[in-house]
């Protein structure tokens, strides 16, 4: 008889881990040095299935002794410092111990550890010909979202799976926000605005044509490179012109993104566009605040049935220094939940990656601004339709 339990591995387990690794794998083996490095990384977790025999251990190597611990399996979970994701890097079960549900229990133990550490998604890779493991992951609710070709030493293909382990629980306190992905590289602002308007009006068009119409109305003409992006003035006007209440919160006055272009003629164009936006806003009831929108005010807007659309820097999310518009859907004690309209299909992303994306409040305070010296904070709050527009 054996008493099976799960625990964190220690340096005393290195010999047993190496025996287990060598018995389970002929290629892509973790080295002793790798195991030691992972054990020394506080952020990561190396969970082992440990069995203590009452009369001694038979580990098939002839070196068991009374009271010795036999490792029947392990699961190595990596946790990046830059994201709230966890990844099962390697999992192994002793061949003679298979069929006892140890693999499933290891995965669940790994998920608990990751969730307790505040991780949102668990990801993993599995050989495309490992039907048993694939069946297990499917049964546990994992979904395939991509592939890695030439991933293993023998050039085999890995299937990428993921499962959400922390969830946003819908509440009546906040309006449900439909998801709409941007269809061009430059229309995140219109896509984010469309989602906000659709939350307030079920008749709101969710089409590429509407997305491009808003971009034409709200674009600043020039940006860092390529097509111009959209600023808060233009987005607020687009919402107002469609019958919605709107307010804009901008931490600075003057033309936005002027310093991102070097050509003097382009700078003058940005100034003229800005003057035009201010002129048009003066004919509306849009409230213009030259202050950053606080997280408390953002949450209150949501509770009041309004939807914020905010400008962020994506450096903390994907190491890209570009301004990007997202829709704020909900806020709780730990997270700000965003609809991010940009889906990187080439990287295996799907709607599930970008819908109600939980962002730690501490991280959110860093991403909800753009620029270094005098960071820009910009937001548009979209409110219900005005009575005269109904």
Protein backbone atom coordinates (compact mmCIF):
# COMPACT_ATOMS: atom_id res chain seq x y z
CA UNK A 1 0.00 0.00 0.00
CA UNK A 2 1.21 3.54 -0.72
CA UNK A 3 0.09 6.89 0.61
CA UNK A 4 0.12 9.32 -2.32
CA UNK A 5 0.40 13.04 -1.71
CA UNK A 6 1.56 16.13 -3.61
CA UNK A 7 4.15 18.61 -2.46
CA UNK A 8 6.79 21.05 -3.64
CA UNK A 9 10.03 19.39 -4.66
CA UNK A 10 13.26 20.12 -2.78
CA UNK A 11 16.92 19.68 -3.58
CA UNK A 12 16.74 16.30 -1.80
CA UNK A 13 14.56 15.08 -4.69
CA UNK A 14 17.15 15.65 -7.41
CA UNK A 15 18.27 12.03 -7.69
CA UNK A 16 14.69 10.76 -7.78
CA UNK A 17 13.74 13.44 -10.33
CA UNK A 18 16.59 12.40 -12.61
CA UNK A 19 15.59 8.71 -12.36
CA UNK A 20 12.01 9.63 -13.18
CA UNK A 21 13.06 11.86 -16.11
CA UNK A 22 15.28 9.16 -17.61
CA UNK A 23 12.56 6.52 -17.35
CA UNK A 24 9.87 8.72 -18.91
CA UNK A 25 11.75 10.38 -21.76
CA UNK A 26 14.32 9.38 -24.36
CA UNK A 27 14.54 12.89 -25.86
CA UNK A 28 14.01 16.48 -24.63
CA UNK A 29 15.11 15.46 -21.15
CA UNK A 30 15.62 18.04 -18.43
CA UNK A 31 19.15 17.99 -17.06
CA UNK A 32 20.12 17.89 -13.41
CA UNK A 33 21.30 21.48 -13.78
CA UNK A 34 17.91 22.52 -15.17
CA UNK A 35 16.05 20.88 -12.31
CA UNK A 36 18.32 22.62 -9.81
CA UNK A 37 17.76 25.99 -11.51
CA UNK A 38 13.99 25.58 -11.41
CA UNK A 39 14.14 24.56 -7.75
CA UNK A 40 16.06 27.75 -7.01
CA UNK A 41 13.52 29.97 -8.79
CA UNK A 42 10.99 31.12 -6.15
CA UNK A 43 8.47 32.16 -8.76
CA UNK A 44 8.17 28.72 -10.38
CA UNK A 45 6.67 25.53 -8.95
CA UNK A 46 7.96 21.97 -9.19
CA UNK A 47 5.23 19.70 -7.81
CA UNK A 48 5.89 16.02 -7.18
CA UNK A 49 3.60 13.07 -6.55
CA UNK A 50 5.21 11.34 -3.60
CA UNK A 51 4.46 7.81 -2.39
CA UNK A 52 5.67 6.38 0.92
CA UNK A 53 5.49 2.63 1.20
CA UNK A 54 4.67 0.99 4.51
CA UNK A 55 7.17 -1.85 4.04
CA UNK A 56 9.78 -0.21 1.89
CA UNK A 57 9.92 1.04 -1.66
CA UNK A 58 10.32 -0.93 -4.82
CA UNK A 59 11.31 1.70 -7.40
CA UNK A 60 12.40 -0.90 -9.98
CA UNK A 61 16.00 0.24 -9.59
CA UNK A 62 16.83 -1.93 -6.59
CA UNK A 63 17.82 1.01 -4.41
CA UNK A 64 14.67 1.36 -2.31
CA UNK A 65 14.88 1.28 1.46
CA UNK A 66 12.41 1.42 4.30
CA UNK A 67 10.83 4.85 4.67
CA UNK A 68 12.28 6.20 1.40
CA UNK A 69 10.07 8.45 -0.75
CA UNK A 70 9.34 7.31 -4.28
CA UNK A 71 8.41 9.96 -6.83
CA UNK A 72 5.64 8.70 -9.09
CA UNK A 73 5.40 11.91 -11.09
CA UNK A 74 6.18 15.60 -11.30
CA UNK A 75 4.78 18.76 -12.88
CA UNK A 76 6.96 21.79 -13.55
CA UNK A 77 5.05 25.10 -13.74
CA UNK A 78 6.72 28.30 -14.92
CA UNK A 79 5.31 31.70 -13.98
CA UNK A 80 6.49 34.72 -15.94
CA UNK A 81 7.15 37.93 -14.03
CA UNK A 82 5.80 39.99 -16.94
CA UNK A 83 2.34 38.40 -17.25
CA UNK A 84 -0.36 36.75 -15.16
CA UNK A 85 0.01 33.49 -17.09
CA UNK A 86 1.42 30.14 -15.97
CA UNK A 87 2.80 27.38 -18.15
CA UNK A 88 3.18 23.67 -17.58
CA UNK A 89 6.70 23.26 -18.93
CA UNK A 90 7.02 19.53 -18.29
CA UNK A 91 4.97 16.76 -16.73
CA UNK A 92 5.91 13.12 -16.21
CA UNK A 93 4.40 10.04 -14.57
CA UNK A 94 6.35 6.87 -13.84
CA UNK A 95 5.38 4.24 -16.46
CA UNK A 96 4.51 1.63 -13.79
CA UNK A 97 2.22 4.16 -12.02
CA UNK A 98 0.14 5.21 -15.03
CA UNK A 99 -3.58 4.56 -15.11
CA UNK A 100 -4.08 5.77 -11.53
CA UNK A 101 -5.07 9.35 -12.38
CA UNK A 102 -1.76 10.79 -11.18
CA UNK A 103 -1.32 12.96 -14.30
CA UNK A 104 -4.75 14.53 -13.83
CA UNK A 105 -4.08 15.17 -10.14
CA UNK A 106 -0.74 16.78 -10.96
CA UNK A 107 -2.39 19.14 -13.46
CA UNK A 108 -5.05 20.12 -10.95
CA UNK A 109 -2.43 20.66 -8.25
CA UNK A 110 -0.50 22.85 -10.69
CA UNK A 111 -3.63 24.87 -11.45
CA UNK A 112 -4.28 25.44 -7.75
CA UNK A 113 -0.72 26.63 -7.21
CA UNK A 114 -0.93 28.98 -10.19
CA UNK A 115 -4.35 30.35 -9.23
CA UNK A 116 -3.15 30.93 -5.66
CA UNK A 117 -0.26 32.91 -7.17
CA UNK A 118 -2.77 35.09 -9.03
CA UNK A 119 -2.23 33.57 -12.47
CA UNK A 120 -5.09 33.82 -14.92
CA UNK A 121 -4.31 31.30 -17.67
CA UNK A 122 -2.52 27.98 -17.68
CA UNK A 123 -0.81 27.06 -20.93
CA UNK A 124 1.09 23.98 -22.09
CA UNK A 125 2.48 22.19 -25.10
CA UNK A 126 1.95 18.54 -26.00
CA UNK A 127 3.19 16.36 -28.86
CA UNK A 128 0.60 16.11 -31.60
CA UNK A 129 0.89 12.30 -31.52
CA UNK A 130 0.38 12.01 -27.74
CA UNK A 131 -3.28 11.06 -27.92
CA UNK A 132 -3.50 10.07 -24.26
CA UNK A 133 -2.27 13.44 -22.98
CA UNK A 134 -4.43 15.33 -25.48
CA UNK A 135 -7.50 13.41 -24.31
CA UNK A 136 -6.63 14.29 -20.69
CA UNK A 137 -6.28 18.00 -21.43
CA UNK A 138 -9.52 18.05 -23.40
CA UNK A 139 -11.30 16.35 -20.52
CA UNK A 140 -9.94 18.93 -18.09
CA UNK A 141 -11.27 21.79 -20.21
CA UNK A 142 -8.14 22.82 -22.09
CA UNK A 143 -8.55 24.06 -25.64
CA UNK A 144 -6.06 24.07 -28.47
CA UNK A 145 -5.15 27.56 -29.64
CA UNK A 146 -2.07 27.07 -31.78
CA UNK A 147 0.84 24.89 -32.88
CA UNK A 148 4.64 24.96 -32.68
CA UNK A 149 6.28 23.25 -35.64
CA UNK A 150 9.75 21.74 -35.24
CA UNK A 151 9.38 22.13 -31.45
CA UNK A 152 10.96 18.93 -30.18
CA UNK A 153 14.45 17.50 -30.66
CA UNK A 154 13.11 15.07 -33.28
CA UNK A 155 11.47 18.02 -35.10
CA UNK A 156 8.01 16.95 -33.95
CA UNK A 157 5.10 19.40 -33.75
CA UNK A 158 3.68 20.60 -30.45
CA UNK A 159 0.04 21.52 -29.98
CA UNK A 160 -0.57 24.53 -27.73
CA UNK A 161 -3.36 24.29 -25.16
CA UNK A 162 -4.68 26.69 -22.56
CA UNK A 163 -7.28 26.92 -19.84
CA UNK A 164 -8.51 29.87 -17.83
CA UNK A 165 -7.92 29.22 -14.12
CA UNK A 166 -9.11 32.58 -12.78
CA UNK A 167 -12.42 33.89 -14.05
CA UNK A 168 -14.39 37.09 -14.19
CA UNK A 169 -17.70 36.37 -12.58
CA UNK A 170 -20.43 38.39 -14.29
CA UNK A 171 -22.29 40.68 -11.95
CA UNK A 172 -25.34 42.84 -12.34
CA UNK A 173 -23.23 45.79 -11.22
CA UNK A 174 -21.71 46.11 -14.71
CA UNK A 175 -23.19 46.03 -18.18
CA UNK A 176 -22.14 43.09 -20.38
CA UNK A 177 -19.90 44.31 -23.17
CA UNK A 178 -19.97 42.55 -26.57
CA UNK A 179 -16.57 41.83 -28.10
CA UNK A 180 -15.51 43.21 -31.47
CA UNK A 181 -11.97 42.66 -32.89
CA UNK A 182 -10.25 45.36 -34.90
CA UNK A 183 -9.82 44.42 -38.54
CA UNK A 184 -6.86 46.69 -39.38
CA UNK A 185 -3.58 47.54 -37.66
CA UNK A 186 -4.67 51.14 -37.10
CA UNK A 187 -8.30 50.93 -35.95
CA UNK A 188 -8.07 49.88 -32.29
CA UNK A 189 -9.76 53.13 -31.24
CA UNK A 190 -12.85 52.64 -33.42
CA UNK A 191 -13.10 48.95 -32.40
CA UNK A 192 -12.89 49.84 -28.70
CA UNK A 193 -15.51 52.56 -29.16
CA UNK A 194 -17.82 50.20 -31.05
CA UNK A 195 -17.72 47.77 -28.11
CA UNK A 196 -18.59 50.55 -25.67
CA UNK A 197 -21.50 51.76 -27.79
CA UNK A 198 -22.76 48.20 -28.36
CA UNK A 199 -22.91 47.67 -24.59
CA UNK A 200 -25.29 50.63 -24.37
CA UNK A 201 -27.31 50.06 -27.53
CA UNK A 202 -28.00 46.58 -28.92
CA UNK A 203 -28.75 48.16 -32.29
CA UNK A 204 -25.20 49.49 -32.61
CA UNK A 205 -23.54 48.27 -35.80
CA UNK A 206 -20.64 45.84 -35.29
CA UNK A 207 -19.19 45.96 -38.79
CA UNK A 208 -15.92 46.76 -40.51
CA UNK A 209 -17.68 49.54 -42.39
CA UNK A 210 -18.66 51.22 -39.13
CA UNK A 211 -15.14 50.70 -37.80
CA UNK A 212 -13.62 52.45 -40.82
CA UNK A 213 -16.19 55.23 -40.73
CA UNK A 214 -15.23 56.03 -37.16
CA UNK A 215 -11.54 55.88 -38.05
CA UNK A 216 -12.08 58.42 -40.82
CA UNK A 217 -13.89 60.72 -38.39
CA UNK A 218 -11.48 60.36 -35.46
CA UNK A 219 -8.02 59.92 -36.99
CA UNK A 220 -5.21 62.31 -36.10
CA UNK A 221 -3.95 61.92 -39.72
CA UNK A 222 -0.35 61.21 -38.70
CA UNK A 223 1.21 58.94 -36.10
CA UNK A 224 4.52 57.19 -35.49
CA UNK A 225 4.38 55.46 -38.88
CA UNK A 226 1.80 54.27 -41.35
CA UNK A 227 -1.83 55.27 -41.02
CA UNK A 228 -2.85 57.75 -38.37
CA UNK A 229 -4.37 56.58 -35.12
CA UNK A 230 -7.37 58.01 -33.33
CA UNK A 231 -7.29 60.47 -30.46
CA UNK A 232 -9.74 61.00 -27.60
CA UNK A 233 -11.24 64.16 -29.10
CA UNK A 234 -12.18 62.40 -32.31
CA UNK A 235 -13.52 59.31 -30.57
CA UNK A 236 -15.66 61.41 -28.22
CA UNK A 237 -17.08 63.28 -31.23
CA UNK A 238 -17.82 59.99 -33.03
CA UNK A 239 -19.77 58.74 -30.02
CA UNK A 240 -21.66 62.03 -29.68
CA UNK A 241 -22.53 62.10 -33.38
CA UNK A 242 -24.11 58.66 -32.96
CA UNK A 243 -26.38 59.94 -30.22
CA UNK A 244 -24.39 58.88 -27.14
CA UNK A 245 -23.36 61.02 -24.23
CA UNK A 246 -19.61 61.36 -24.04
CA UNK A 247 -16.86 62.94 -22.00
CA UNK A 248 -13.11 63.07 -22.63
CA UNK A 249 -10.39 62.96 -19.99
CA UNK A 250 -6.97 64.08 -21.24
CA UNK A 251 -4.00 64.78 -19.01
CA UNK A 252 -2.50 67.42 -21.32
CA UNK A 253 -3.67 70.25 -23.56
CA UNK A 254 -2.61 70.89 -27.12
CA UNK A 255 -2.22 68.55 -30.11
CA UNK A 256 -1.62 64.98 -29.08
CA UNK A 257 1.20 62.86 -30.55
CA UNK A 258 2.78 65.96 -32.09
CA UNK A 259 6.22 64.91 -30.91
CA UNK A 260 5.92 61.52 -32.61
CA UNK A 261 6.40 63.12 -36.03
CA UNK A 262 9.52 65.01 -37.13
CA UNK A 263 8.32 66.75 -40.26
CA UNK A 264 7.19 70.35 -39.61
CA UNK A 265 4.43 70.12 -42.21
CA UNK A 266 3.03 67.03 -40.49
CA UNK A 267 3.21 68.79 -37.13
CA UNK A 268 1.16 71.65 -38.58
CA UNK A 269 -1.41 69.18 -39.91
CA UNK A 270 -1.76 67.67 -36.42
CA UNK A 271 -2.27 71.15 -34.99
CA UNK A 272 -4.98 71.92 -37.53
CA UNK A 273 -6.73 68.60 -36.86
CA UNK A 274 -6.64 69.34 -33.13
CA UNK A 275 -8.10 72.81 -33.66
CA UNK A 276 -10.85 71.28 -35.77
CA UNK A 277 -11.72 68.74 -33.07
CA UNK A 278 -11.91 71.46 -30.42
CA UNK A 279 -14.12 73.59 -32.68
CA UNK A 280 -16.51 70.71 -33.32
CA UNK A 281 -16.58 69.70 -29.65
CA UNK A 282 -17.52 73.26 -28.73
CA UNK A 283 -20.80 72.76 -30.57
CA UNK A 284 -21.70 69.70 -28.52
CA UNK A 285 -22.36 68.83 -24.90
CA UNK A 286 -19.17 66.77 -24.62
CA UNK A 287 -17.39 67.45 -21.34
CA UNK A 288 -13.64 67.93 -21.80
CA UNK A 289 -11.49 67.42 -18.71
CA UNK A 290 -7.78 68.14 -18.76
CA UNK A 291 -7.13 65.69 -15.95
CA UNK A 292 -6.34 61.98 -15.92
CA UNK A 293 -9.27 59.67 -15.27
CA UNK A 294 -8.68 57.96 -11.92
CA UNK A 295 -9.38 54.30 -11.36
CA UNK A 296 -12.04 55.25 -8.82
CA UNK A 297 -13.80 57.49 -11.36
CA UNK A 298 -13.53 54.73 -13.94
CA UNK A 299 -15.22 52.25 -11.63
CA UNK A 300 -17.93 54.75 -10.75
CA UNK A 301 -18.62 55.33 -14.45
CA UNK A 302 -19.09 51.58 -14.92
CA UNK A 303 -21.44 51.43 -11.92
CA UNK A 304 -23.40 54.33 -13.43
CA UNK A 305 -23.97 52.39 -16.64
CA UNK A 306 -21.24 54.06 -18.70
CA UNK A 307 -18.32 52.44 -20.53
CA UNK A 308 -14.76 53.85 -20.49
CA UNK A 309 -12.50 53.55 -23.50
CA UNK A 310 -8.88 54.20 -22.53
CA UNK A 311 -5.51 54.68 -24.14
CA UNK A 312 -2.78 52.33 -22.91
CA UNK A 313 0.84 51.53 -23.66
CA UNK A 314 1.25 47.88 -24.58
CA UNK A 315 4.83 47.60 -23.28
CA UNK A 316 3.78 45.71 -20.16
CA UNK A 317 1.62 43.34 -22.23
CA UNK A 318 3.70 42.55 -25.31
CA UNK A 319 6.87 44.69 -25.13
CA UNK A 320 5.65 47.00 -27.91
CA UNK A 321 5.81 50.75 -27.29
CA UNK A 322 2.71 51.85 -29.17
CA UNK A 323 -0.44 53.66 -28.04
CA UNK A 324 -3.42 51.36 -28.05
CA UNK A 325 -7.14 51.74 -27.25
CA UNK A 326 -9.03 49.20 -25.16
CA UNK A 327 -12.49 49.00 -23.57
CA UNK A 328 -12.86 48.75 -19.80
CA UNK A 329 -15.62 46.26 -18.94
CA UNK A 330 -15.44 45.66 -15.18
CA UNK A 331 -13.34 46.26 -12.07
CA UNK A 332 -13.05 44.19 -8.90
CA UNK A 333 -10.72 44.18 -5.90
CA UNK A 334 -7.75 42.79 -7.83
CA UNK A 335 -8.27 43.33 -11.55
CA UNK A 336 -9.38 45.71 -14.25
CA UNK A 337 -11.08 43.68 -16.99
CA UNK A 338 -10.46 44.80 -20.56
CA UNK A 339 -11.67 43.96 -24.02
CA UNK A 340 -8.53 44.31 -26.14
CA UNK A 341 -9.57 44.55 -29.80
CA UNK A 342 -6.21 43.38 -31.17
CA UNK A 343 -5.89 39.63 -31.74
CA UNK A 344 -2.49 38.38 -32.89
CA UNK A 345 -3.55 35.35 -34.92
CA UNK A 346 0.06 34.61 -35.93
CA UNK A 347 0.88 34.17 -32.25
CA UNK A 348 -2.03 31.78 -31.73
CA UNK A 349 -4.28 34.30 -29.97
CA UNK A 350 -8.05 33.99 -30.03
CA UNK A 351 -10.98 36.00 -28.69
CA UNK A 352 -10.62 34.10 -25.41
CA UNK A 353 -7.23 35.77 -24.91
CA UNK A 354 -8.58 39.29 -25.31
CA UNK A 355 -12.12 39.20 -23.91
CA UNK A 356 -12.49 40.26 -20.27
CA UNK A 357 -8.69 40.23 -20.04
CA UNK A 358 -7.82 40.60 -16.34
CA UNK A 359 -5.07 43.13 -15.67
CA UNK A 360 -3.67 43.48 -12.18
CA UNK A 361 -4.50 46.92 -10.78
CA UNK A 362 -0.84 47.61 -10.12
CA UNK A 363 0.05 46.75 -13.71
CA UNK A 364 -2.93 48.73 -14.97
CA UNK A 365 -1.61 51.88 -13.33
CA UNK A 366 1.54 51.43 -15.43
CA UNK A 367 -0.09 50.65 -18.77
CA UNK A 368 -2.84 53.29 -18.63
CA UNK A 369 -0.48 55.99 -19.83
CA UNK A 370 1.62 56.50 -22.94
CA UNK A 371 5.05 58.06 -23.22
CA UNK A 372 8.01 58.53 -20.92
CA UNK A 373 8.81 62.13 -20.00
CA UNK A 374 5.29 63.50 -19.65
CA UNK A 375 3.12 60.41 -20.08
CA UNK A 376 -0.23 60.98 -21.71
CA UNK A 377 -3.35 59.67 -20.05
CA UNK A 378 -6.47 59.72 -22.18
CA UNK A 379 -9.94 58.23 -21.88
CA UNK A 380 -13.39 58.61 -23.35
CA UNK A 381 -16.42 57.72 -21.25
CA UNK A 382 -19.41 56.72 -23.36
CA UNK A 383 -22.79 57.16 -21.73
CA UNK A 384 -26.33 56.10 -22.73
CA UNK A 385 -27.95 57.68 -25.75
CA UNK A 386 -29.36 61.17 -25.34
CA UNK A 387 -33.20 61.37 -25.38
CA UNK A 388 -33.26 63.52 -28.50
CA UNK A 389 -31.32 60.89 -30.42
CA UNK A 390 -33.73 58.05 -29.69
